[in-house]
Protein backbone atom coordinates (compact mmCIF):
# COMPACT_ATOMS: atom_id res chain seq x y z
CA MET A 1 9.46 -57.32 -20.73
CA ASN A 2 11.69 -55.24 -18.48
CA ASP A 3 13.55 -52.43 -20.25
CA ALA A 4 16.99 -53.50 -18.82
CA LEU A 5 16.46 -57.08 -19.87
CA VAL A 6 15.60 -56.05 -23.51
CA GLY A 7 18.76 -53.90 -23.57
CA PHE A 8 20.76 -56.82 -22.26
CA LEU A 9 19.41 -59.21 -24.82
CA GLN A 10 20.22 -56.70 -27.61
CA ILE A 11 23.89 -56.64 -26.65
CA PHE A 12 24.50 -60.10 -25.30
CA ASN A 13 24.24 -62.10 -28.52
CA VAL A 14 26.94 -63.51 -30.69
CA GLN A 15 26.60 -61.07 -33.52
CA THR A 16 26.69 -57.93 -31.46
CA ILE A 17 29.58 -59.18 -29.26
CA LEU A 18 31.70 -60.00 -32.45
CA TRP A 19 31.02 -56.45 -33.85
CA ILE A 20 32.08 -54.89 -30.58
CA ALA A 21 35.27 -57.07 -30.60
CA MET A 22 36.09 -56.00 -34.19
CA GLY A 23 35.48 -52.36 -33.36
CA GLU A 24 37.71 -52.65 -30.22
CA VAL A 25 40.66 -54.13 -32.19
CA LEU A 26 40.27 -51.53 -34.83
CA GLY A 27 40.19 -48.80 -32.24
CA ILE A 28 43.28 -50.04 -30.48
CA ILE A 29 45.14 -50.05 -33.84
CA LEU A 30 43.94 -46.56 -34.76
CA GLY A 31 44.80 -45.21 -31.28
CA ALA A 32 48.36 -46.71 -31.51
CA LEU A 33 49.04 -45.05 -34.90
CA PRO A 34 50.06 -41.35 -34.42
CA GLY A 35 47.49 -38.91 -35.79
CA LEU A 36 44.63 -41.46 -36.24
CA THR A 37 41.91 -40.57 -33.65
CA ALA A 38 38.82 -42.13 -32.19
CA THR A 39 36.71 -39.53 -34.15
CA MET A 40 38.31 -40.77 -37.38
CA GLY A 41 37.75 -44.47 -36.49
CA ILE A 42 34.08 -43.83 -35.58
CA ALA A 43 33.58 -41.91 -38.80
CA LEU A 44 35.10 -44.82 -40.85
CA MET A 45 32.73 -47.33 -39.28
CA LEU A 46 29.55 -45.12 -39.67
CA PRO A 47 28.52 -46.65 -43.05
CA ILE A 48 28.68 -50.21 -41.55
CA SER A 49 26.71 -49.08 -38.36
CA PHE A 50 23.96 -47.92 -40.54
CA GLN A 51 23.44 -51.42 -41.88
CA LEU A 52 23.01 -52.78 -38.36
CA SER A 53 20.21 -52.46 -35.77
CA ASP A 54 20.33 -49.35 -33.50
CA ALA A 55 21.89 -51.24 -30.52
CA THR A 56 24.32 -53.19 -32.53
CA GLY A 57 25.43 -50.22 -34.57
CA MET A 58 25.99 -48.06 -31.47
CA ALA A 59 27.84 -50.98 -29.85
CA LEU A 60 30.28 -51.19 -32.82
CA LEU A 61 31.00 -47.48 -32.63
CA LEU A 62 31.48 -47.62 -28.86
CA GLY A 63 34.01 -50.37 -29.29
CA VAL A 64 36.07 -48.21 -31.71
CA TYR A 65 35.72 -45.29 -29.25
CA CYS A 66 37.02 -47.12 -26.14
CA GLY A 67 39.71 -49.03 -28.11
CA ALA A 68 41.10 -45.77 -29.78
CA VAL A 69 41.12 -43.86 -26.46
CA SER A 70 42.98 -46.58 -24.66
CA GLY A 71 45.32 -47.59 -27.58
CA ALA A 72 46.96 -44.10 -27.66
CA SER A 73 48.95 -45.04 -24.53
CA ILE A 74 51.00 -47.69 -26.35
CA PRO A 75 53.20 -45.35 -28.50
CA ALA A 76 53.16 -42.74 -25.63
CA ILE A 77 54.74 -45.26 -23.30
CA LEU A 78 57.13 -47.03 -25.83
CA LEU A 79 58.16 -44.19 -28.09
CA GLY A 80 57.30 -41.04 -26.31
CA ILE A 81 54.78 -40.22 -29.06
CA PRO A 82 51.12 -39.78 -28.01
CA GLY A 83 48.82 -41.73 -30.29
CA ASN A 84 46.36 -38.78 -29.98
CA PRO A 85 46.04 -35.61 -27.70
CA ASN A 86 44.39 -37.77 -24.95
CA ALA A 87 47.67 -39.42 -24.22
CA ILE A 88 49.86 -36.36 -23.94
CA ALA A 89 50.39 -36.63 -20.08
CA THR A 90 51.03 -40.36 -20.19
CA VAL A 91 54.29 -39.62 -22.13
CA TYR A 92 56.22 -38.26 -19.19
CA ASP A 93 56.22 -41.16 -16.67
CA GLY A 94 55.45 -43.81 -19.25
CA GLN A 95 58.50 -42.98 -21.28
CA ARG A 96 60.68 -42.82 -18.19
CA MET A 97 59.40 -46.22 -17.18
CA THR A 98 60.39 -47.64 -20.51
CA LYS A 99 63.86 -46.26 -20.30
CA ARG A 100 64.12 -47.92 -16.90
CA GLY A 101 63.13 -51.27 -18.46
CA LEU A 102 59.72 -51.16 -16.97
CA ALA A 103 57.72 -50.89 -20.19
CA GLY A 104 55.64 -54.01 -19.27
CA GLN A 105 54.52 -52.56 -16.00
CA ALA A 106 53.79 -49.23 -17.65
CA LEU A 107 51.72 -50.75 -20.40
CA GLY A 108 49.93 -53.11 -18.00
CA GLY A 109 49.24 -50.29 -15.56
CA ALA A 110 47.88 -48.13 -18.34
CA VAL A 111 45.46 -50.83 -19.43
CA ILE A 112 44.20 -51.38 -15.91
CA ALA A 113 43.95 -47.61 -15.23
CA SER A 114 41.97 -47.34 -18.48
CA PHE A 115 39.62 -50.04 -17.42
CA ILE A 116 39.14 -48.51 -13.96
CA GLY A 117 38.49 -45.06 -15.55
CA GLY A 118 36.06 -46.51 -18.22
CA ILE A 119 34.00 -48.55 -15.56
CA GLY A 120 34.03 -45.61 -13.18
CA SER A 121 32.63 -43.29 -15.70
CA LEU A 122 30.02 -45.82 -16.83
CA LEU A 123 28.76 -46.03 -13.24
CA LEU A 124 28.53 -42.32 -13.09
CA LEU A 125 26.77 -42.28 -16.50
CA MET A 126 24.20 -44.77 -15.34
CA LEU A 127 23.52 -43.19 -11.85
CA PHE A 128 23.92 -39.48 -12.24
CA SER A 129 23.57 -38.60 -16.06
CA PRO A 130 20.57 -36.29 -15.65
CA LEU A 131 22.04 -34.65 -12.67
CA ILE A 132 25.49 -34.09 -14.09
CA ALA A 133 24.10 -32.91 -17.40
CA GLN A 134 22.11 -30.32 -15.42
CA PHE A 135 25.15 -29.10 -13.68
CA THR A 136 27.12 -28.78 -16.87
CA LEU A 137 24.44 -26.51 -18.30
CA MET A 138 25.69 -23.92 -15.68
CA PHE A 139 28.94 -23.74 -17.67
CA GLY A 140 28.76 -20.66 -19.77
CA PRO A 141 31.55 -18.72 -21.39
CA ALA A 142 32.83 -17.30 -18.15
CA GLU A 143 33.08 -20.71 -16.56
CA LYS A 144 34.81 -22.22 -19.61
CA ALA A 145 37.30 -19.24 -19.83
CA SER A 146 38.12 -19.77 -16.19
CA LEU A 147 38.52 -23.51 -16.61
CA ALA A 148 40.98 -22.83 -19.46
CA LEU A 149 42.77 -20.54 -17.20
CA VAL A 150 43.21 -23.40 -14.69
CA GLY A 151 44.58 -25.51 -17.44
CA LEU A 152 47.11 -22.82 -18.47
CA THR A 153 48.54 -22.55 -14.85
CA ILE A 154 49.70 -26.15 -15.27
CA ILE A 155 52.46 -24.66 -17.36
CA ALA A 156 54.02 -23.52 -14.16
CA SER A 157 53.97 -27.10 -12.76
CA VAL A 158 55.23 -28.90 -15.86
CA SER A 159 58.06 -26.36 -16.16
CA SER A 160 59.11 -26.51 -12.52
CA ARG A 161 62.78 -27.25 -13.48
CA ASN A 162 63.00 -24.13 -15.50
CA LEU A 163 59.96 -21.80 -15.17
CA ALA A 164 61.28 -19.10 -17.53
CA LYS A 165 61.77 -21.68 -20.33
CA GLY A 166 58.35 -23.04 -19.65
CA ILE A 167 56.63 -19.80 -19.92
CA LEU A 168 58.49 -19.04 -23.05
CA THR A 169 57.42 -22.18 -24.74
CA GLY A 170 53.89 -21.72 -23.28
CA ALA A 171 53.74 -18.25 -24.91
CA PHE A 172 54.80 -19.77 -28.25
CA GLY A 173 51.96 -22.30 -28.03
CA LEU A 174 49.48 -19.53 -27.27
CA THR A 175 50.86 -17.53 -30.20
CA ILE A 176 50.38 -20.27 -32.78
CA SER A 177 46.88 -21.05 -31.39
CA LEU A 178 45.86 -17.52 -32.62
CA ILE A 179 46.94 -18.10 -36.18
CA GLY A 180 44.16 -18.04 -38.63
CA THR A 181 41.01 -16.00 -38.50
CA ASP A 182 39.28 -14.12 -35.66
CA PRO A 183 36.49 -16.34 -34.24
CA PHE A 184 34.00 -13.40 -34.16
CA THR A 185 34.80 -11.25 -37.17
CA ASN A 186 36.29 -14.05 -39.36
CA SER A 187 39.09 -11.58 -40.50
CA PRO A 188 42.57 -12.93 -41.04
CA ARG A 189 44.98 -12.38 -38.20
CA ILE A 190 48.06 -13.24 -39.95
CA PRO A 191 50.26 -10.81 -41.91
CA PHE A 192 50.00 -10.59 -45.73
CA PRO A 193 46.31 -11.78 -45.80
CA GLY A 194 46.17 -11.55 -49.66
CA ILE A 195 48.85 -14.33 -49.68
CA PHE A 196 47.79 -16.53 -46.79
CA GLU A 197 44.06 -16.45 -47.58
CA LYS A 198 44.93 -18.76 -50.49
CA THR A 199 46.62 -21.30 -48.28
CA PRO A 200 45.35 -23.65 -45.51
CA LEU A 201 47.10 -21.58 -42.96
CA ILE A 202 44.15 -19.28 -42.91
CA SER A 203 42.18 -21.98 -40.92
CA GLY A 204 44.94 -22.07 -38.27
CA ILE A 205 47.35 -24.72 -36.96
CA HIS A 206 45.55 -28.01 -36.20
CA LEU A 207 46.39 -29.81 -33.01
CA ILE A 208 47.24 -33.35 -34.37
CA PRO A 209 49.98 -32.30 -36.87
CA ALA A 210 51.47 -30.08 -34.25
CA LEU A 211 51.39 -32.84 -31.68
CA ILE A 212 53.01 -35.34 -34.14
CA GLY A 213 55.70 -32.89 -35.04
CA LEU A 214 56.51 -31.66 -31.53
CA PHE A 215 56.61 -35.23 -29.96
CA GLY A 216 57.14 -37.65 -32.74
CA ILE A 217 59.33 -36.03 -35.50
CA SER A 218 61.41 -34.09 -33.05
CA GLN A 219 62.29 -37.27 -31.13
CA ALA A 220 63.02 -39.18 -34.36
CA LEU A 221 65.39 -36.27 -35.34
CA LEU A 222 67.24 -36.59 -32.07
CA ASP A 223 67.47 -40.34 -32.56
CA VAL A 224 68.91 -39.79 -36.09
CA GLU A 225 71.55 -37.65 -34.45
CA ARG A 226 72.30 -40.35 -31.94
CA ILE A 227 72.52 -43.05 -34.75
CA LYS A 228 75.10 -40.97 -36.55
CA SER A 229 77.17 -40.70 -33.40
CA GLY A 230 76.78 -44.39 -32.53
CA ASN A 231 75.24 -43.31 -29.22
CA ILE A 232 71.89 -45.09 -29.37
CA ALA A 233 70.91 -48.56 -28.19
CA PRO A 234 67.42 -50.02 -27.65
CA PRO A 235 66.21 -49.96 -23.97
CA GLN A 236 66.42 -53.30 -22.18
CA VAL A 237 62.65 -54.00 -21.72
CA LYS A 238 61.84 -56.70 -19.16
CA ILE A 239 58.31 -58.04 -19.33
CA GLU A 240 58.27 -59.81 -15.89
CA LYS A 241 55.41 -58.08 -14.19
CA ILE A 242 52.43 -56.70 -15.94
CA PHE A 243 49.74 -56.39 -13.21
CA PRO A 244 50.32 -53.98 -10.37
CA SER A 245 49.63 -55.47 -7.10
CA LEU A 246 46.32 -54.95 -5.41
CA LYS A 247 48.13 -53.23 -2.63
CA LYS A 248 49.76 -50.81 -5.06
CA ILE A 249 46.41 -49.99 -6.76
CA ALA A 250 44.71 -49.61 -3.37
CA SER A 251 47.49 -47.22 -2.32
CA MET A 252 46.56 -44.95 -5.26
CA TRP A 253 42.83 -44.83 -4.34
CA ARG A 254 42.83 -41.08 -3.96
CA ILE A 255 44.46 -40.56 -7.43
CA ILE A 256 41.91 -43.02 -9.04
CA VAL A 257 38.88 -41.37 -7.42
CA GLU A 258 40.01 -37.79 -8.25
CA SER A 259 41.04 -38.73 -11.78
CA THR A 260 37.75 -40.42 -12.47
CA GLY A 261 35.83 -37.45 -11.19
CA ILE A 262 37.95 -35.00 -13.22
CA GLY A 263 37.61 -37.11 -16.32
CA ALA A 264 33.86 -37.53 -16.15
CA LEU A 265 33.15 -34.00 -15.22
CA ILE A 266 35.48 -32.51 -17.89
CA GLY A 267 34.02 -34.96 -20.56
CA ALA A 268 30.51 -33.85 -19.67
CA ILE A 269 31.35 -30.16 -20.38
CA PRO A 270 30.83 -29.56 -23.99
CA GLY A 271 33.79 -28.10 -25.90
CA THR A 272 36.48 -29.09 -23.37
CA GLY A 273 37.96 -32.48 -24.27
CA ALA A 274 40.14 -35.03 -22.72
CA SER A 275 43.35 -33.02 -23.13
CA ILE A 276 42.44 -30.67 -20.26
CA ALA A 277 41.26 -33.68 -18.12
CA VAL A 278 44.51 -35.60 -18.44
CA PHE A 279 46.65 -32.62 -17.58
CA LEU A 280 44.50 -31.63 -14.61
CA SER A 281 44.51 -35.15 -13.16
CA TYR A 282 48.30 -35.46 -13.72
CA GLU A 283 48.74 -32.16 -11.87
CA ARG A 284 46.57 -33.38 -9.05
CA ALA A 285 48.52 -36.68 -8.82
CA LYS A 286 51.76 -34.71 -8.81
CA LYS A 287 50.60 -32.68 -5.82
CA ILE A 288 49.24 -35.80 -3.93
CA THR A 289 52.52 -37.67 -4.38
CA SER A 290 54.74 -34.75 -3.40
CA ARG A 291 53.20 -34.20 -0.10
CA PRO A 292 55.41 -34.83 2.94
CA GLY A 293 54.97 -38.38 4.22
CA SER A 294 53.40 -39.66 1.11
CA LYS A 295 54.31 -43.33 0.42
CA LEU A 296 53.53 -43.06 -3.18
CA GLU A 297 56.22 -42.71 -5.82
CA ARG A 298 56.55 -39.13 -6.97
CA VAL A 299 54.88 -38.34 -10.21
CA GLY A 300 57.41 -37.13 -12.85
CA SER A 301 60.07 -39.61 -11.87
CA GLY A 302 58.87 -42.48 -13.83
CA ALA A 303 56.30 -43.64 -11.51
CA LEU A 304 53.22 -45.83 -12.15
CA GLU A 305 51.21 -43.18 -10.43
CA GLY A 306 52.09 -40.79 -13.26
CA VAL A 307 50.67 -43.30 -15.81
CA PHE A 308 47.62 -44.16 -13.76
CA ALA A 309 46.30 -40.65 -13.19
CA PRO A 310 46.10 -39.50 -16.84
CA GLU A 311 44.82 -42.93 -18.11
CA VAL A 312 42.04 -43.16 -15.50
CA ALA A 313 40.99 -39.56 -16.44
CA ASN A 314 41.37 -40.20 -20.20
CA ASN A 315 39.02 -43.21 -20.18
CA ALA A 316 36.58 -41.57 -17.66
CA VAL A 317 35.98 -38.94 -20.34
CA THR A 318 34.40 -41.59 -22.55
CA GLY A 319 31.47 -42.00 -20.16
CA GLY A 320 31.39 -38.43 -19.19
CA ALA A 321 31.10 -37.20 -22.80
CA LEU A 322 28.07 -39.39 -23.26
CA ILE A 323 26.19 -37.82 -20.40
CA PRO A 324 25.28 -34.54 -22.24
CA ALA A 325 25.06 -36.44 -25.60
CA LEU A 326 22.29 -38.79 -24.31
CA SER A 327 20.59 -36.44 -21.75
CA LEU A 328 20.66 -33.26 -23.58
CA GLY A 329 21.61 -34.01 -27.29
CA ILE A 330 24.86 -32.00 -26.76
CA PRO A 331 28.08 -33.80 -27.58
CA GLY A 332 30.76 -33.63 -25.05
CA ASP A 333 33.55 -33.95 -27.50
CA ALA A 334 34.37 -34.58 -31.21
CA ALA A 335 33.93 -38.36 -30.97
CA THR A 336 30.57 -38.15 -29.35
CA SER A 337 29.45 -35.51 -31.78
CA VAL A 338 29.83 -38.39 -34.50
CA LEU A 339 28.11 -40.88 -32.17
CA LEU A 340 25.23 -38.36 -31.79
CA GLY A 341 25.07 -37.96 -35.58
CA ALA A 342 24.68 -41.65 -35.89
CA LEU A 343 21.81 -41.69 -33.46
CA LEU A 344 20.04 -38.83 -35.30
CA ILE A 345 20.49 -40.47 -38.75
CA LYS A 346 18.91 -43.59 -37.24
CA GLY A 347 15.94 -41.47 -36.15
CA VAL A 348 16.78 -41.68 -32.41
CA VAL A 349 16.34 -38.24 -30.70
CA PRO A 350 18.50 -37.83 -27.54
CA GLY A 351 17.18 -36.15 -24.53
CA TYR A 352 13.98 -36.55 -22.59
CA GLN A 353 12.35 -38.39 -25.47
CA LEU A 354 15.12 -41.02 -25.51
CA PHE A 355 14.86 -41.73 -21.76
CA SER A 356 11.03 -41.69 -21.79
CA GLN A 357 10.30 -43.67 -24.95
CA ASN A 358 13.48 -45.77 -25.65
CA MET A 359 14.95 -47.04 -22.39
CA PRO A 360 15.97 -50.39 -23.89
CA LEU A 361 18.33 -48.54 -26.22
CA VAL A 362 19.73 -46.50 -23.36
CA TYR A 363 20.41 -49.83 -21.40
CA SER A 364 21.96 -51.37 -24.46
CA ILE A 365 24.41 -48.44 -24.70
CA PHE A 366 25.38 -49.02 -21.04
CA PHE A 367 25.91 -52.78 -21.66
CA ALA A 368 27.76 -52.01 -24.84
CA LEU A 369 30.15 -49.70 -22.97
CA LEU A 370 30.58 -52.36 -20.35
CA ILE A 371 31.55 -55.00 -22.86
CA SER A 372 33.81 -52.52 -24.77
CA ASN A 373 35.83 -51.90 -21.60
CA ILE A 374 36.08 -55.51 -20.86
CA PHE A 375 37.37 -56.20 -24.42
CA MET A 376 39.79 -53.35 -24.12
CA LEU A 377 41.28 -54.76 -20.96
CA THR A 378 41.47 -58.26 -22.51
CA PHE A 379 42.93 -57.38 -25.87
CA GLN A 380 45.48 -54.86 -24.49
CA LEU A 381 46.77 -57.17 -21.80
CA LEU A 382 47.12 -59.98 -24.37
CA GLY A 383 49.23 -57.60 -26.37
CA VAL A 384 51.41 -56.27 -23.56
CA ARG A 385 54.13 -58.80 -24.16
CA MET A 386 54.06 -58.12 -27.95
CA PHE A 387 53.97 -54.35 -27.97
CA PRO A 388 57.47 -53.75 -26.46
CA LYS A 389 59.03 -55.93 -29.25
CA VAL A 390 58.77 -52.83 -31.43
CA LEU A 391 61.72 -51.47 -29.41
CA GLY A 392 63.89 -54.44 -30.52
CA ILE A 393 63.65 -53.23 -34.12
CA PRO A 394 67.07 -51.76 -35.13
CA ALA A 395 67.13 -47.98 -34.65
CA PRO A 396 68.07 -47.38 -38.41
CA VAL A 397 64.85 -49.09 -39.40
CA LEU A 398 62.60 -47.96 -36.57
CA VAL A 399 63.40 -44.22 -36.60
CA PRO A 400 62.62 -43.71 -40.38
CA SER A 401 59.43 -45.79 -39.92
CA ILE A 402 58.28 -43.50 -37.17
CA ILE A 403 58.89 -40.38 -39.32
CA ILE A 404 56.94 -42.00 -42.26
CA LEU A 405 54.04 -43.08 -40.00
CA SER A 406 53.95 -39.63 -38.39
CA LEU A 407 53.77 -37.85 -41.72
CA ILE A 408 51.02 -40.34 -42.92
CA GLY A 409 49.05 -39.58 -39.74
CA SER A 410 49.31 -35.86 -40.48
CA TYR A 411 48.21 -36.39 -44.07
CA ALA A 412 45.22 -38.62 -43.10
CA ILE A 413 43.55 -35.91 -41.04
CA GLN A 414 42.22 -33.83 -44.03
CA GLY A 415 40.91 -36.85 -45.92
CA GLN A 416 40.42 -35.88 -49.61
CA ALA A 417 41.57 -32.31 -49.21
CA ILE A 418 45.03 -32.91 -50.65
CA LEU A 419 46.42 -29.39 -50.43
CA ALA A 420 45.36 -29.13 -46.67
CA ALA A 421 46.79 -32.58 -46.08
CA VAL A 422 50.10 -31.80 -47.61
CA PHE A 423 50.06 -28.54 -45.66
CA ASP A 424 49.51 -30.47 -42.39
CA MET A 425 52.53 -32.67 -43.26
CA GLY A 426 54.58 -29.51 -43.67
CA VAL A 427 53.29 -28.19 -40.29
CA ALA A 428 54.29 -31.39 -38.58
CA LEU A 429 57.70 -31.31 -40.16
CA PHE A 430 58.33 -27.71 -39.39
CA LEU A 431 57.08 -28.03 -35.74
CA GLY A 432 59.21 -31.19 -35.47
CA ILE A 433 62.39 -29.29 -36.42
CA ILE A 434 61.53 -26.60 -33.85
CA GLY A 435 60.81 -29.34 -31.28
CA TYR A 436 64.18 -30.85 -32.06
CA PHE A 437 66.01 -27.64 -31.24
CA LEU A 438 63.92 -27.00 -28.18
CA LYS A 439 64.69 -30.52 -26.81
CA LYS A 440 68.41 -29.89 -27.42
CA GLY A 441 68.18 -26.67 -25.49
CA ASP A 442 66.31 -28.47 -22.63
CA TYR A 443 63.10 -26.45 -23.23
CA PRO A 444 59.86 -28.25 -22.20
CA ILE A 445 57.44 -29.23 -25.01
CA ALA A 446 54.36 -29.71 -22.87
CA PRO A 447 53.68 -25.93 -22.38
CA ILE A 448 53.54 -25.45 -26.18
CA VAL A 449 50.74 -28.12 -26.43
CA LEU A 450 48.91 -26.64 -23.54
CA GLY A 451 49.03 -23.17 -24.96
CA LEU A 452 47.88 -24.54 -28.42
CA ILE A 453 44.93 -26.51 -26.84
CA LEU A 454 43.78 -23.90 -24.37
CA GLY A 455 44.63 -20.71 -26.17
CA GLY A 456 41.73 -20.62 -28.58
CA MET A 457 39.38 -21.88 -25.89
CA PHE A 458 40.39 -19.24 -23.46
CA GLU A 459 40.20 -16.43 -25.88
CA GLU A 460 36.91 -17.31 -27.48
CA ASN A 461 35.04 -17.87 -24.23
CA PHE A 462 36.68 -14.84 -22.60
CA ARG A 463 35.63 -12.48 -25.34
CA ARG A 464 32.17 -14.07 -25.54
CA ALA A 465 31.65 -13.66 -21.77
CA VAL A 466 32.61 -10.06 -21.86
CA LYS A 467 30.46 -9.41 -24.84
CA LEU A 468 27.39 -10.96 -23.26
CA ALA A 469 28.13 -8.81 -20.13
CA ARG A 470 28.14 -5.68 -22.41
CA GLY A 471 31.92 -4.96 -21.84
CA ASN A 472 31.93 -5.66 -18.04
CA TYR A 473 35.14 -7.46 -17.32
CA LEU A 474 34.01 -8.10 -13.72
CA VAL A 475 31.50 -10.70 -15.01
CA PHE A 476 34.00 -13.40 -14.05
CA PHE A 477 33.66 -12.49 -10.31
CA THR A 478 29.89 -12.57 -10.42
CA ARG A 479 29.74 -16.30 -11.33
CA PRO A 480 30.50 -18.64 -8.39
CA ILE A 481 31.99 -21.48 -10.55
CA ALA A 482 34.20 -19.00 -12.37
CA VAL A 483 35.38 -17.50 -9.10
CA ALA A 484 36.14 -20.98 -7.76
CA PHE A 485 38.22 -21.71 -10.94
CA ILE A 486 40.08 -18.40 -10.68
CA ILE A 487 40.97 -19.14 -6.99
CA LEU A 488 42.10 -22.65 -7.98
CA ALA A 489 44.33 -21.20 -10.69
CA ILE A 490 45.92 -18.72 -8.30
CA LEU A 491 46.46 -21.42 -5.61
CA SER A 492 48.01 -23.68 -8.31
CA VAL A 493 50.67 -21.08 -9.30
CA LEU A 494 51.29 -20.11 -5.72
CA MET A 495 51.80 -23.62 -4.51
CA THR A 496 54.12 -24.46 -7.44
CA TYR A 497 56.14 -21.27 -6.56
CA LEU A 498 56.43 -22.03 -2.88
CA ARG A 499 57.35 -25.71 -3.71
CA ASN A 500 60.09 -24.59 -6.13
CA ARG A 501 61.40 -22.03 -3.56
CA LYS A 502 61.50 -24.76 -0.81
CA SER A 503 63.40 -26.99 -3.20
CA LEU A 504 65.94 -24.28 -3.94
CA VAL A 505 66.46 -23.61 -0.27
CA GLN A 506 66.85 -27.30 0.53
CA GLY A 507 69.26 -27.66 -2.48
């Protein structure tokens, strides 16, 4: 029997489809709760997947994966709190659209963008997985360091209103990314090592508690202040139009194509993650919409384009991250590392052996990813009219609930490590207070997150590249991909500077 037909029959049966549906619903719920990630959801469902056949077990895990990645946009748009790091860039335009009473359009647009990104990356996975996997093997430490440098230059763009404040908060993010131990010598970097070695701080600041504090708790504290002053009212949310018109979607074709490519490529590079992809795609969309004569709404002003770009890239990462996992046995991100572990435990060895000896399973993964994206689109659209009702909850009830859920999300990351979990709650609360004062002073929060995400990646790969080159710092200029990234970083800063200067002259 044809391999594709066998894979089709393994997925298109009542039992497997119900398992995918259950995984999708669970994933959406986990994605919508701050701090609960796709990785956590997949790990929770692993014991169940082991009791199922290879194809059905992987289908269940892929359902959780797609649902959690997409569900993170719900709190990002409604509350300004990204459900996980993948939805950071969705906050800006999504939250502004909600404040304008366009939450329905933002949520509907995010779901459709997620579906487009997921299907686009699935096509790339099916057609070009061996080719793209081979290309990503060319990414050594020098290329990854240069890619992180490109990500850091986005600080200039997201801080365009006040570059000095943006650089200052970006430096703060870079600083806290260095807390912990040296990645090469394992020696403590923080002062008073005798004291701090006995605390979880020795392992550094984790991204999820920092994210929850800077975005979630800080906003809740601002809302508490507004409640006390009587200056807070729920936004008037009109759920009149959920689907963007086909004409509107067609007008964003370039944003969609570029964001799909960015998401799939970044996802296929091990050790990068969706956080870089969403910021890079958001930055590209910002440049596309700010060009003279552009008929698109300008990204950053509460435009649907600013929701589409990061959500397309975010979900394109799902297919992209599976490319090295299936082709080379190298996970593209944390979630696919758990998926890869599930395959290995079942006795399935990724790589050439998988494609040469078990093609029905490969096809079943493709079909499962297709069904997962269809269920994600269906369930999310069914919930669009219900999700905004959370904004109708009285602020004195909603705000404390957000703080409690944020702290629970921070606690849940460490599992049974109670001391570390309580410490993460403290980190979230501490950074939430810092974020509160920064927001009051009109300091941008995004550069802190960028610095925290990319600081460690840049430092580790920069130092590794130099060590491998025996101390030769010019190694970055001998690698064509690294040179291309360095030029791109310089052009990004230069174009942002020229655009800001032009705005000042015109103003």
